[in-house]
Amino acid sequence: MTKRELLDTLMYGMIVHSNKVKRKLVRQWMKDPILFSMIKQEFSAILADLLKIIRYVKNLNDEVIKVLE
């Protein structure tokens, strides 16, 4: 499973806009506490990486705005 697939599965199977197929998979993962703990850790790492990217793009945008002003 890719990071994108893991992110989508947890987001749409558990957190927002519930998807029945993804929700079923998340429930299967939750039956194994060790596996689910590892999945949640990976999910957190993925979100941290996404936030770094968002911050980087925001800083680039700020620089472009300064140049254009």
Protein backbone atom coordinates (compact mmCIF):
# COMPACT_ATOMS: atom_id res chain seq x y z
CA MET A 1 0.00 0.00 0.00
CA THR A 2 1.32 3.42 -0.92
CA LYS A 3 1.38 6.38 1.44
CA ARG A 4 -1.37 7.96 -0.65
CA GLU A 5 -3.56 4.87 -0.33
CA LEU A 6 -2.99 4.72 3.42
CA LEU A 7 -3.84 8.41 3.78
CA ASP A 8 -6.99 8.08 1.67
CA THR A 9 -8.10 4.93 3.47
CA LEU A 10 -7.83 6.49 6.91
CA MET A 11 -9.24 9.84 5.82
CA TYR A 12 -12.24 8.45 3.96
CA GLY A 13 -12.69 5.28 5.98
CA MET A 14 -12.57 6.82 9.42
CA ILE A 15 -12.36 10.59 9.58
CA VAL A 16 -14.37 12.34 6.83
CA HIS A 17 -16.88 11.49 4.11
CA SER A 18 -17.07 7.85 5.11
CA ASN A 19 -16.49 5.38 2.30
CA LYS A 20 -17.96 1.94 3.08
CA VAL A 21 -15.16 -0.05 1.46
CA LYS A 22 -12.44 1.98 3.17
CA ARG A 23 -14.33 1.93 6.47
CA LYS A 24 -14.42 -1.87 6.32
CA LEU A 25 -10.65 -1.98 5.78
CA VAL A 26 -10.03 0.41 8.68
CA ARG A 27 -12.19 -1.78 10.93
CA GLN A 28 -10.10 -4.79 9.94
CA TRP A 29 -6.92 -2.90 10.81
CA MET A 30 -8.39 -1.87 14.17
CA LYS A 31 -8.80 -5.53 15.16
CA ASP A 32 -5.02 -5.78 15.43
CA PRO A 33 -3.86 -3.16 17.96
CA ILE A 34 -0.19 -3.46 17.02
CA LEU A 35 -0.86 -3.12 13.29
CA PHE A 36 -3.27 -0.24 13.84
CA SER A 37 -0.76 1.54 16.07
CA MET A 38 1.85 1.26 13.30
CA ILE A 39 -0.66 2.50 10.72
CA LYS A 40 -1.55 5.51 12.87
CA GLN A 41 2.15 6.29 13.30
CA GLU A 42 2.68 6.17 9.53
CA PHE A 43 -0.43 8.34 9.05
CA SER A 44 1.04 10.93 11.43
CA ALA A 45 4.35 10.88 9.56
CA ILE A 46 2.55 11.37 6.24
CA LEU A 47 0.62 14.35 7.65
CA ALA A 48 3.86 15.85 9.00
CA ASP A 49 5.43 15.55 5.54
CA LEU A 50 2.38 17.17 3.94
CA LEU A 51 2.56 20.07 6.39
CA LYS A 52 6.24 20.59 5.52
CA ILE A 53 5.32 20.75 1.84
CA ILE A 54 2.47 23.19 2.51
CA ARG A 55 4.80 25.40 4.57
CA TYR A 56 7.42 25.32 1.80
CA VAL A 57 4.89 26.31 -0.87
CA LYS A 58 3.54 29.06 1.38
CA ASN A 59 7.05 30.48 1.78
CA LEU A 60 7.60 30.35 -1.98
CA ASN A 61 4.33 32.20 -2.50
CA ASP A 62 5.35 34.83 0.04
CA GLU A 63 8.61 35.40 -1.85
CA VAL A 64 6.81 35.72 -5.18
CA ILE A 65 4.33 38.20 -3.70
CA LYS A 66 7.22 40.33 -2.38
CA VAL A 67 8.83 40.38 -5.82
CA LEU A 68 5.55 41.34 -7.49
CA GLU A 69 4.75 44.18 -5.09
